[in-house]
Amino acid sequence: MSIIHPLPISVAPGSGKVLKLVGITHKLTRAQTGGSYYLFEFEFGPGGGNNLHVHRHEDEVVYVLKGDIEIRLASQRLHVEKGGVAYLPKNIPHALYNPAKIPLKVLAAAIPGGMEEYFDELEAALAIGPLDDEMHNNISLKYGIEWLE
């Protein structure tokens, strides 16, 4: 296996590959980072979030750009305010939630890279039509993501 040496790159504010249906913006992909990580932005409206899930392949680092985020773990909740950061190791179930009355904007890193392919596949599937739970679970499991609720 050859080692890929990434090149320096900059991403201008407001740019990156936008996945409108999934609500994700790719900032740096594993192809751009030599596989070491994937950097992305996402937003949740007030009261928005996702269900309890676990990543089998990557750790996540979540940095709050705007608003507050509540991260539900098995036995505790982490509250992270604007400018704060949370580290979520792989194999730890978690759910993300916006408890505020303003939109939440987050910059997140998945380490190692590759999770962008999951979001790309979801975006392509959603462009065809709504996903049922079985279709969503099948795509997720392909990338080591298991939805627990």
N, C-alpha and C. Protein backbone atom coordinates (compact mmCIF):
# COMPACT_ATOMS: atom_id res chain seq x y z
N MET A 1 0.84 -1.18 0.00
CA MET A 1 0.00 0.00 0.00
C MET A 1 0.89 1.24 0.00
N SER A 2 0.63 2.14 -0.92
CA SER A 2 1.43 3.35 -0.99
C SER A 2 0.85 4.42 -0.05
N ILE A 3 1.72 5.26 0.44
CA ILE A 3 1.31 6.34 1.32
C ILE A 3 0.94 7.54 0.47
N ILE A 4 -0.23 8.10 0.75
CA ILE A 4 -0.68 9.28 0.03
C ILE A 4 -0.27 10.51 0.83
N HIS A 5 0.45 11.41 0.19
CA HIS A 5 0.87 12.64 0.85
C HIS A 5 -0.06 13.76 0.41
N PRO A 6 -0.88 14.27 1.34
CA PRO A 6 -1.80 15.34 0.96
C PRO A 6 -1.08 16.64 0.66
N LEU A 7 -1.73 17.47 -0.12
CA LEU A 7 -1.20 18.79 -0.46
C LEU A 7 -1.90 19.84 0.39
N PRO A 8 -1.24 20.95 0.66
CA PRO A 8 -1.91 22.04 1.37
C PRO A 8 -3.15 22.50 0.60
N ILE A 9 -4.18 22.87 1.33
CA ILE A 9 -5.42 23.31 0.71
C ILE A 9 -6.09 24.30 1.63
N SER A 10 -6.83 25.23 1.05
CA SER A 10 -7.67 26.11 1.86
C SER A 10 -9.09 26.03 1.32
N VAL A 11 -10.04 26.20 2.23
CA VAL A 11 -11.45 26.16 1.86
C VAL A 11 -12.04 27.50 2.30
N ALA A 12 -12.54 28.24 1.36
CA ALA A 12 -13.08 29.57 1.65
C ALA A 12 -14.37 29.49 2.47
N PRO A 13 -14.64 30.51 3.27
CA PRO A 13 -15.91 30.53 4.00
C PRO A 13 -17.09 30.36 3.06
N GLY A 14 -18.05 29.58 3.49
CA GLY A 14 -19.26 29.36 2.68
C GLY A 14 -19.07 28.41 1.52
N SER A 15 -17.89 27.80 1.40
CA SER A 15 -17.67 26.89 0.28
C SER A 15 -17.53 25.45 0.79
N GLY A 16 -17.38 24.54 -0.13
CA GLY A 16 -17.35 23.11 0.15
C GLY A 16 -18.51 22.47 -0.58
N LYS A 17 -18.50 21.17 -0.67
CA LYS A 17 -19.58 20.45 -1.36
C LYS A 17 -20.79 20.38 -0.44
N VAL A 18 -21.89 20.99 -0.87
CA VAL A 18 -23.12 21.05 -0.07
C VAL A 18 -24.03 19.89 -0.44
N LEU A 19 -24.44 19.13 0.56
CA LEU A 19 -25.42 18.07 0.39
C LEU A 19 -26.72 18.57 1.02
N LYS A 20 -27.57 19.18 0.20
CA LYS A 20 -28.75 19.87 0.72
C LYS A 20 -29.74 18.92 1.40
N LEU A 21 -29.93 17.74 0.84
CA LEU A 21 -30.93 16.81 1.38
C LEU A 21 -30.49 16.22 2.71
N VAL A 22 -29.20 16.06 2.90
CA VAL A 22 -28.66 15.50 4.13
C VAL A 22 -28.35 16.61 5.15
N GLY A 23 -28.10 17.82 4.65
CA GLY A 23 -27.80 18.94 5.55
C GLY A 23 -26.36 18.97 6.00
N ILE A 24 -25.47 18.55 5.13
CA ILE A 24 -24.03 18.46 5.43
C ILE A 24 -23.26 19.26 4.37
N THR A 25 -22.18 19.90 4.78
CA THR A 25 -21.25 20.50 3.82
C THR A 25 -19.88 19.87 4.04
N HIS A 26 -19.37 19.21 3.00
CA HIS A 26 -18.01 18.67 3.06
C HIS A 26 -17.03 19.85 3.04
N LYS A 27 -16.16 19.91 4.01
CA LYS A 27 -15.11 20.93 4.02
C LYS A 27 -13.79 20.33 3.54
N LEU A 28 -13.39 19.20 4.13
CA LEU A 28 -12.20 18.47 3.69
C LEU A 28 -12.52 16.98 3.70
N THR A 29 -12.28 16.31 2.61
CA THR A 29 -12.55 14.88 2.52
C THR A 29 -11.28 14.08 2.76
N ARG A 30 -11.45 12.78 2.92
CA ARG A 30 -10.26 11.95 3.15
C ARG A 30 -9.32 11.99 1.96
N ALA A 31 -9.85 12.19 0.75
CA ALA A 31 -8.98 12.31 -0.43
C ALA A 31 -8.08 13.54 -0.30
N GLN A 32 -8.56 14.58 0.38
CA GLN A 32 -7.78 15.80 0.55
C GLN A 32 -6.85 15.75 1.76
N THR A 33 -7.11 14.84 2.70
CA THR A 33 -6.31 14.76 3.93
C THR A 33 -5.45 13.50 3.99
N GLY A 34 -5.30 12.83 2.88
CA GLY A 34 -4.51 11.60 2.87
C GLY A 34 -5.16 10.49 3.69
N GLY A 35 -6.47 10.59 3.88
CA GLY A 35 -7.21 9.56 4.62
C GLY A 35 -7.29 9.78 6.11
N SER A 36 -6.57 10.79 6.62
CA SER A 36 -6.48 10.93 8.06
C SER A 36 -7.76 11.42 8.73
N TYR A 37 -8.53 12.26 8.05
CA TYR A 37 -9.79 12.71 8.64
C TYR A 37 -10.71 13.28 7.57
N TYR A 38 -11.95 13.52 7.97
CA TYR A 38 -12.98 14.16 7.16
C TYR A 38 -13.55 15.30 7.99
N LEU A 39 -13.62 16.50 7.42
CA LEU A 39 -14.11 17.68 8.13
C LEU A 39 -15.40 18.15 7.45
N PHE A 40 -16.44 18.40 8.26
CA PHE A 40 -17.74 18.78 7.69
C PHE A 40 -18.49 19.71 8.63
N GLU A 41 -19.42 20.46 8.04
CA GLU A 41 -20.32 21.32 8.80
C GLU A 41 -21.73 20.77 8.70
N PHE A 42 -22.48 20.99 9.78
CA PHE A 42 -23.91 20.69 9.73
C PHE A 42 -24.66 21.65 10.62
N GLU A 43 -25.94 21.77 10.36
CA GLU A 43 -26.80 22.64 11.15
C GLU A 43 -28.03 21.87 11.58
N PHE A 44 -28.53 22.18 12.78
CA PHE A 44 -29.82 21.69 13.26
C PHE A 44 -30.63 22.91 13.66
N GLY A 45 -31.88 22.95 13.25
CA GLY A 45 -32.77 24.00 13.70
C GLY A 45 -33.11 23.80 15.17
N PRO A 46 -33.81 24.77 15.76
CA PRO A 46 -34.22 24.63 17.16
C PRO A 46 -34.98 23.32 17.38
N GLY A 47 -34.56 22.56 18.38
CA GLY A 47 -35.21 21.28 18.68
C GLY A 47 -34.81 20.15 17.75
N GLY A 48 -33.95 20.41 16.78
CA GLY A 48 -33.53 19.39 15.83
C GLY A 48 -32.40 18.54 16.37
N GLY A 49 -32.15 17.45 15.68
CA GLY A 49 -31.06 16.58 16.08
C GLY A 49 -31.14 15.24 15.39
N ASN A 50 -30.45 14.27 15.94
CA ASN A 50 -30.51 12.92 15.39
C ASN A 50 -30.72 11.91 16.52
N ASN A 51 -31.02 10.69 16.15
CA ASN A 51 -31.28 9.62 17.12
C ASN A 51 -29.99 8.97 17.60
N LEU A 52 -30.13 8.18 18.64
CA LEU A 52 -28.99 7.46 19.21
C LEU A 52 -28.39 6.53 18.16
N HIS A 53 -27.07 6.64 18.00
CA HIS A 53 -26.36 5.83 17.01
C HIS A 53 -24.92 5.63 17.48
N VAL A 54 -24.23 4.72 16.80
CA VAL A 54 -22.85 4.44 17.14
C VAL A 54 -22.04 4.31 15.85
N HIS A 55 -20.83 4.85 15.89
CA HIS A 55 -19.89 4.73 14.76
C HIS A 55 -18.88 3.64 15.12
N ARG A 56 -18.69 2.69 14.23
CA ARG A 56 -17.74 1.60 14.47
C ARG A 56 -16.36 1.89 13.89
N HIS A 57 -16.27 2.86 12.96
CA HIS A 57 -15.00 3.10 12.27
C HIS A 57 -14.29 4.39 12.64
N GLU A 58 -15.01 5.38 13.13
CA GLU A 58 -14.36 6.67 13.33
C GLU A 58 -14.73 7.32 14.66
N ASP A 59 -13.77 8.06 15.20
CA ASP A 59 -14.01 8.97 16.31
C ASP A 59 -14.57 10.26 15.71
N GLU A 60 -15.29 11.02 16.54
CA GLU A 60 -15.79 12.32 16.09
C GLU A 60 -15.35 13.41 17.06
N VAL A 61 -15.04 14.55 16.49
CA VAL A 61 -14.77 15.75 17.27
C VAL A 61 -15.79 16.78 16.79
N VAL A 62 -16.51 17.37 17.74
CA VAL A 62 -17.58 18.32 17.43
C VAL A 62 -17.22 19.67 18.02
N TYR A 63 -17.14 20.70 17.18
CA TYR A 63 -16.84 22.06 17.61
C TYR A 63 -18.06 22.93 17.31
N VAL A 64 -18.61 23.58 18.31
CA VAL A 64 -19.82 24.38 18.14
C VAL A 64 -19.47 25.78 17.63
N LEU A 65 -19.94 26.10 16.44
CA LEU A 65 -19.72 27.40 15.83
C LEU A 65 -20.79 28.41 16.23
N LYS A 66 -22.03 27.93 16.40
CA LYS A 66 -23.16 28.80 16.71
C LYS A 66 -24.17 28.00 17.52
N GLY A 67 -24.67 28.57 18.60
CA GLY A 67 -25.68 27.91 19.42
C GLY A 67 -25.06 27.01 20.48
N ASP A 68 -25.84 26.02 20.90
CA ASP A 68 -25.43 25.04 21.91
C ASP A 68 -25.83 23.65 21.40
N ILE A 69 -25.11 22.64 21.84
CA ILE A 69 -25.47 21.28 21.49
C ILE A 69 -25.54 20.45 22.75
N GLU A 70 -26.50 19.55 22.77
CA GLU A 70 -26.59 18.57 23.85
C GLU A 70 -26.29 17.21 23.24
N ILE A 71 -25.37 16.49 23.86
CA ILE A 71 -24.97 15.17 23.37
C ILE A 71 -25.40 14.15 24.42
N ARG A 72 -26.31 13.28 24.00
CA ARG A 72 -26.81 12.25 24.91
C ARG A 72 -25.97 11.00 24.75
N LEU A 73 -25.43 10.54 25.86
CA LEU A 73 -24.67 9.30 25.91
C LEU A 73 -25.51 8.30 26.71
N ALA A 74 -25.00 7.11 26.91
CA ALA A 74 -25.75 6.08 27.63
C ALA A 74 -26.19 6.53 29.01
N SER A 75 -25.28 7.08 29.80
CA SER A 75 -25.60 7.41 31.18
C SER A 75 -25.39 8.88 31.53
N GLN A 76 -25.11 9.72 30.55
CA GLN A 76 -24.89 11.13 30.84
C GLN A 76 -25.21 11.98 29.63
N ARG A 77 -25.25 13.28 29.86
CA ARG A 77 -25.44 14.25 28.79
C ARG A 77 -24.30 15.26 28.85
N LEU A 78 -23.78 15.58 27.70
CA LEU A 78 -22.76 16.62 27.60
C LEU A 78 -23.42 17.84 27.00
N HIS A 79 -23.18 19.00 27.58
CA HIS A 79 -23.69 20.25 27.03
C HIS A 79 -22.50 21.07 26.57
N VAL A 80 -22.51 21.46 25.29
CA VAL A 80 -21.39 22.20 24.72
C VAL A 80 -21.92 23.51 24.15
N GLU A 81 -21.35 24.61 24.61
CA GLU A 81 -21.74 25.93 24.14
C GLU A 81 -20.87 26.37 22.98
N LYS A 82 -21.27 27.48 22.35
CA LYS A 82 -20.50 28.07 21.25
C LYS A 82 -19.04 28.21 21.65
N GLY A 83 -18.16 27.73 20.78
CA GLY A 83 -16.72 27.78 21.04
C GLY A 83 -16.21 26.56 21.78
N GLY A 84 -17.12 25.71 22.26
CA GLY A 84 -16.71 24.50 22.96
C GLY A 84 -16.56 23.32 22.01
N VAL A 85 -15.93 22.28 22.52
CA VAL A 85 -15.64 21.10 21.71
C VAL A 85 -15.94 19.84 22.50
N ALA A 86 -16.35 18.80 21.80
CA ALA A 86 -16.59 17.49 22.42
C ALA A 86 -15.89 16.43 21.59
N TYR A 87 -15.36 15.44 22.27
CA TYR A 87 -14.72 14.29 21.62
C TYR A 87 -15.60 13.08 21.86
N LEU A 88 -15.98 12.39 20.78
CA LEU A 88 -16.85 11.23 20.84
C LEU A 88 -16.11 10.03 20.23
N PRO A 89 -15.53 9.17 21.07
CA PRO A 89 -14.80 8.01 20.55
C PRO A 89 -15.73 7.03 19.84
N LYS A 90 -15.17 6.32 18.87
CA LYS A 90 -15.96 5.29 18.19
C LYS A 90 -16.44 4.27 19.21
N ASN A 91 -17.51 3.60 18.86
CA ASN A 91 -18.15 2.55 19.67
C ASN A 91 -18.86 3.07 20.92
N ILE A 92 -19.01 4.39 21.04
CA ILE A 92 -19.77 4.99 22.15
C ILE A 92 -21.08 5.53 21.56
N PRO A 93 -22.22 4.94 21.92
CA PRO A 93 -23.50 5.45 21.40
C PRO A 93 -23.72 6.91 21.83
N HIS A 94 -24.26 7.70 20.88
CA HIS A 94 -24.54 9.10 21.15
C HIS A 94 -25.65 9.62 20.25
N ALA A 95 -26.31 10.66 20.71
CA ALA A 95 -27.32 11.37 19.93
C ALA A 95 -27.05 12.85 20.10
N LEU A 96 -27.26 13.61 19.04
CA LEU A 96 -27.01 15.05 19.04
C LEU A 96 -28.33 15.79 19.01
N TYR A 97 -28.43 16.89 19.76
CA TYR A 97 -29.69 17.62 19.87
C TYR A 97 -29.41 19.11 20.07
N ASN A 98 -30.22 19.94 19.42
CA ASN A 98 -30.13 21.39 19.61
C ASN A 98 -31.19 21.82 20.61
N PRO A 99 -30.80 22.14 21.85
CA PRO A 99 -31.77 22.51 22.87
C PRO A 99 -32.17 24.00 22.82
N ALA A 100 -31.53 24.77 21.98
CA ALA A 100 -31.73 26.22 21.97
C ALA A 100 -32.85 26.64 21.02
N LYS A 101 -33.21 27.89 21.11
CA LYS A 101 -34.25 28.45 20.24
C LYS A 101 -33.65 29.11 18.99
N ILE A 102 -32.36 28.93 18.80
CA ILE A 102 -31.68 29.44 17.61
C ILE A 102 -31.03 28.26 16.89
N PRO A 103 -30.72 28.41 15.60
CA PRO A 103 -30.06 27.32 14.88
C PRO A 103 -28.69 26.99 15.49
N LEU A 104 -28.35 25.73 15.40
CA LEU A 104 -27.06 25.22 15.84
C LEU A 104 -26.21 24.98 14.60
N LYS A 105 -24.96 25.44 14.63
CA LYS A 105 -24.02 25.18 13.53
C LYS A 105 -22.77 24.57 14.13
N VAL A 106 -22.34 23.45 13.55
CA VAL A 106 -21.23 22.67 14.09
C VAL A 106 -20.22 22.38 12.99
N LEU A 107 -18.96 22.41 13.37
CA LEU A 107 -17.87 21.90 12.53
C LEU A 107 -17.43 20.60 13.18
N ALA A 108 -17.43 19.52 12.42
CA ALA A 108 -17.11 18.22 12.99
C ALA A 108 -16.02 17.54 12.16
N ALA A 109 -15.24 16.73 12.85
CA ALA A 109 -14.22 15.92 12.18
C ALA A 109 -14.49 14.46 12.49
N ALA A 110 -14.38 13.63 11.48
CA ALA A 110 -14.46 12.17 11.64
C ALA A 110 -13.07 11.64 11.36
N ILE A 111 -12.55 10.84 12.31
CA ILE A 111 -11.17 10.37 12.23
C ILE A 111 -11.16 8.86 12.33
N PRO A 112 -10.68 8.12 11.33
CA PRO A 112 -10.12 8.58 10.06
C PRO A 112 -11.23 9.02 9.11
N GLY A 113 -10.82 9.50 7.94
CA GLY A 113 -11.79 9.94 6.93
C GLY A 113 -12.54 8.76 6.34
N GLY A 114 -13.58 9.08 5.60
CA GLY A 114 -14.38 8.07 4.92
C GLY A 114 -15.87 8.23 5.14
N MET A 115 -16.26 8.87 6.24
CA MET A 115 -17.69 9.02 6.53
C MET A 115 -18.39 9.88 5.48
N GLU A 116 -17.64 10.69 4.74
CA GLU A 116 -18.25 11.49 3.68
C GLU A 116 -18.92 10.61 2.63
N GLU A 117 -18.39 9.40 2.43
CA GLU A 117 -19.00 8.49 1.46
C GLU A 117 -20.39 8.04 1.91
N TYR A 118 -20.57 7.90 3.21
CA TYR A 118 -21.89 7.60 3.77
C TYR A 118 -22.86 8.74 3.44
N PHE A 119 -22.45 9.98 3.71
CA PHE A 119 -23.32 11.11 3.44
C PHE A 119 -23.60 11.25 1.94
N ASP A 120 -22.59 11.01 1.10
CA ASP A 120 -22.79 11.07 -0.35
C ASP A 120 -23.82 10.03 -0.81
N GLU A 121 -23.72 8.82 -0.26
CA GLU A 121 -24.67 7.78 -0.65
C GLU A 121 -26.08 8.10 -0.16
N LEU A 122 -26.19 8.63 1.04
CA LEU A 122 -27.51 9.06 1.55
C LEU A 122 -28.11 10.14 0.66
N GLU A 123 -27.30 11.12 0.29
CA GLU A 123 -27.77 12.21 -0.56
C GLU A 123 -28.27 11.68 -1.89
N ALA A 124 -27.54 10.75 -2.50
CA ALA A 124 -27.95 10.17 -3.78
C ALA A 124 -29.25 9.39 -3.64
N ALA A 125 -29.39 8.64 -2.56
CA ALA A 125 -30.62 7.87 -2.33
C ALA A 125 -31.81 8.79 -2.09
N LEU A 126 -31.62 9.85 -1.32
CA LEU A 126 -32.70 10.79 -1.04
C LEU A 126 -33.12 11.57 -2.29
N ALA A 127 -32.20 11.77 -3.22
CA ALA A 127 -32.53 12.46 -4.46
C ALA A 127 -33.53 11.66 -5.29
N ILE A 128 -33.54 10.34 -5.10
CA ILE A 128 -34.48 9.47 -5.81
C ILE A 128 -35.84 9.48 -5.13
N GLY A 129 -35.84 9.60 -3.82
CA GLY A 129 -37.10 9.61 -3.07
C GLY A 129 -36.84 9.33 -1.60
N PRO A 130 -37.90 9.35 -0.79
CA PRO A 130 -37.74 9.13 0.64
C PRO A 130 -37.16 7.75 0.94
N LEU A 131 -36.41 7.68 2.03
CA LEU A 131 -35.84 6.40 2.46
C LEU A 131 -36.70 5.80 3.57
N ASP A 132 -36.96 4.51 3.49
CA ASP A 132 -37.60 3.85 4.62
C ASP A 132 -36.50 3.43 5.60
N ASP A 133 -36.90 2.99 6.79
CA ASP A 133 -35.91 2.65 7.82
C ASP A 133 -34.96 1.55 7.36
N GLU A 134 -35.46 0.57 6.64
CA GLU A 134 -34.60 -0.54 6.19
C GLU A 134 -33.54 -0.05 5.22
N MET A 135 -33.93 0.79 4.27
CA MET A 135 -32.96 1.33 3.31
C MET A 135 -31.90 2.17 4.03
N HIS A 136 -32.36 3.00 4.96
CA HIS A 136 -31.42 3.85 5.70
C HIS A 136 -30.46 3.00 6.52
N ASN A 137 -30.98 1.99 7.20
CA ASN A 137 -30.13 1.11 8.00
C ASN A 137 -29.12 0.36 7.14
N ASN A 138 -29.54 -0.11 5.97
CA ASN A 138 -28.63 -0.83 5.08
C ASN A 138 -27.47 0.05 4.63
N ILE A 139 -27.78 1.30 4.27
CA ILE A 139 -26.71 2.23 3.87
C ILE A 139 -25.79 2.50 5.07
N SER A 140 -26.39 2.75 6.22
CA SER A 140 -25.61 3.07 7.42
C SER A 140 -24.66 1.94 7.80
N LEU A 141 -25.18 0.71 7.83
CA LEU A 141 -24.36 -0.43 8.25
C LEU A 141 -23.18 -0.65 7.32
N LYS A 142 -23.35 -0.31 6.05
CA LYS A 142 -22.26 -0.41 5.08
C LYS A 142 -21.05 0.42 5.51
N TYR A 143 -21.32 1.50 6.25
CA TYR A 143 -20.26 2.42 6.69
C TYR A 143 -20.00 2.33 8.18
N GLY A 144 -20.47 1.27 8.82
CA GLY A 144 -20.18 1.05 10.23
C GLY A 144 -20.97 1.94 11.17
N ILE A 145 -22.12 2.43 10.72
CA ILE A 145 -22.98 3.28 11.56
C ILE A 145 -24.23 2.47 11.88
N GLU A 146 -24.51 2.33 13.16
CA GLU A 146 -25.67 1.56 13.61
C GLU A 146 -26.62 2.49 14.37
N TRP A 147 -27.87 2.53 13.92
CA TRP A 147 -28.90 3.35 14.58
C TRP A 147 -29.54 2.51 15.66
N LEU A 148 -29.56 3.01 16.88
CA LEU A 148 -30.03 2.25 18.04
C LEU A 148 -31.45 2.60 18.43
N GLU A 149 -32.01 3.63 17.83
CA GLU A 149 -33.42 4.01 18.04
C GLU A 149 -33.94 4.73 16.84
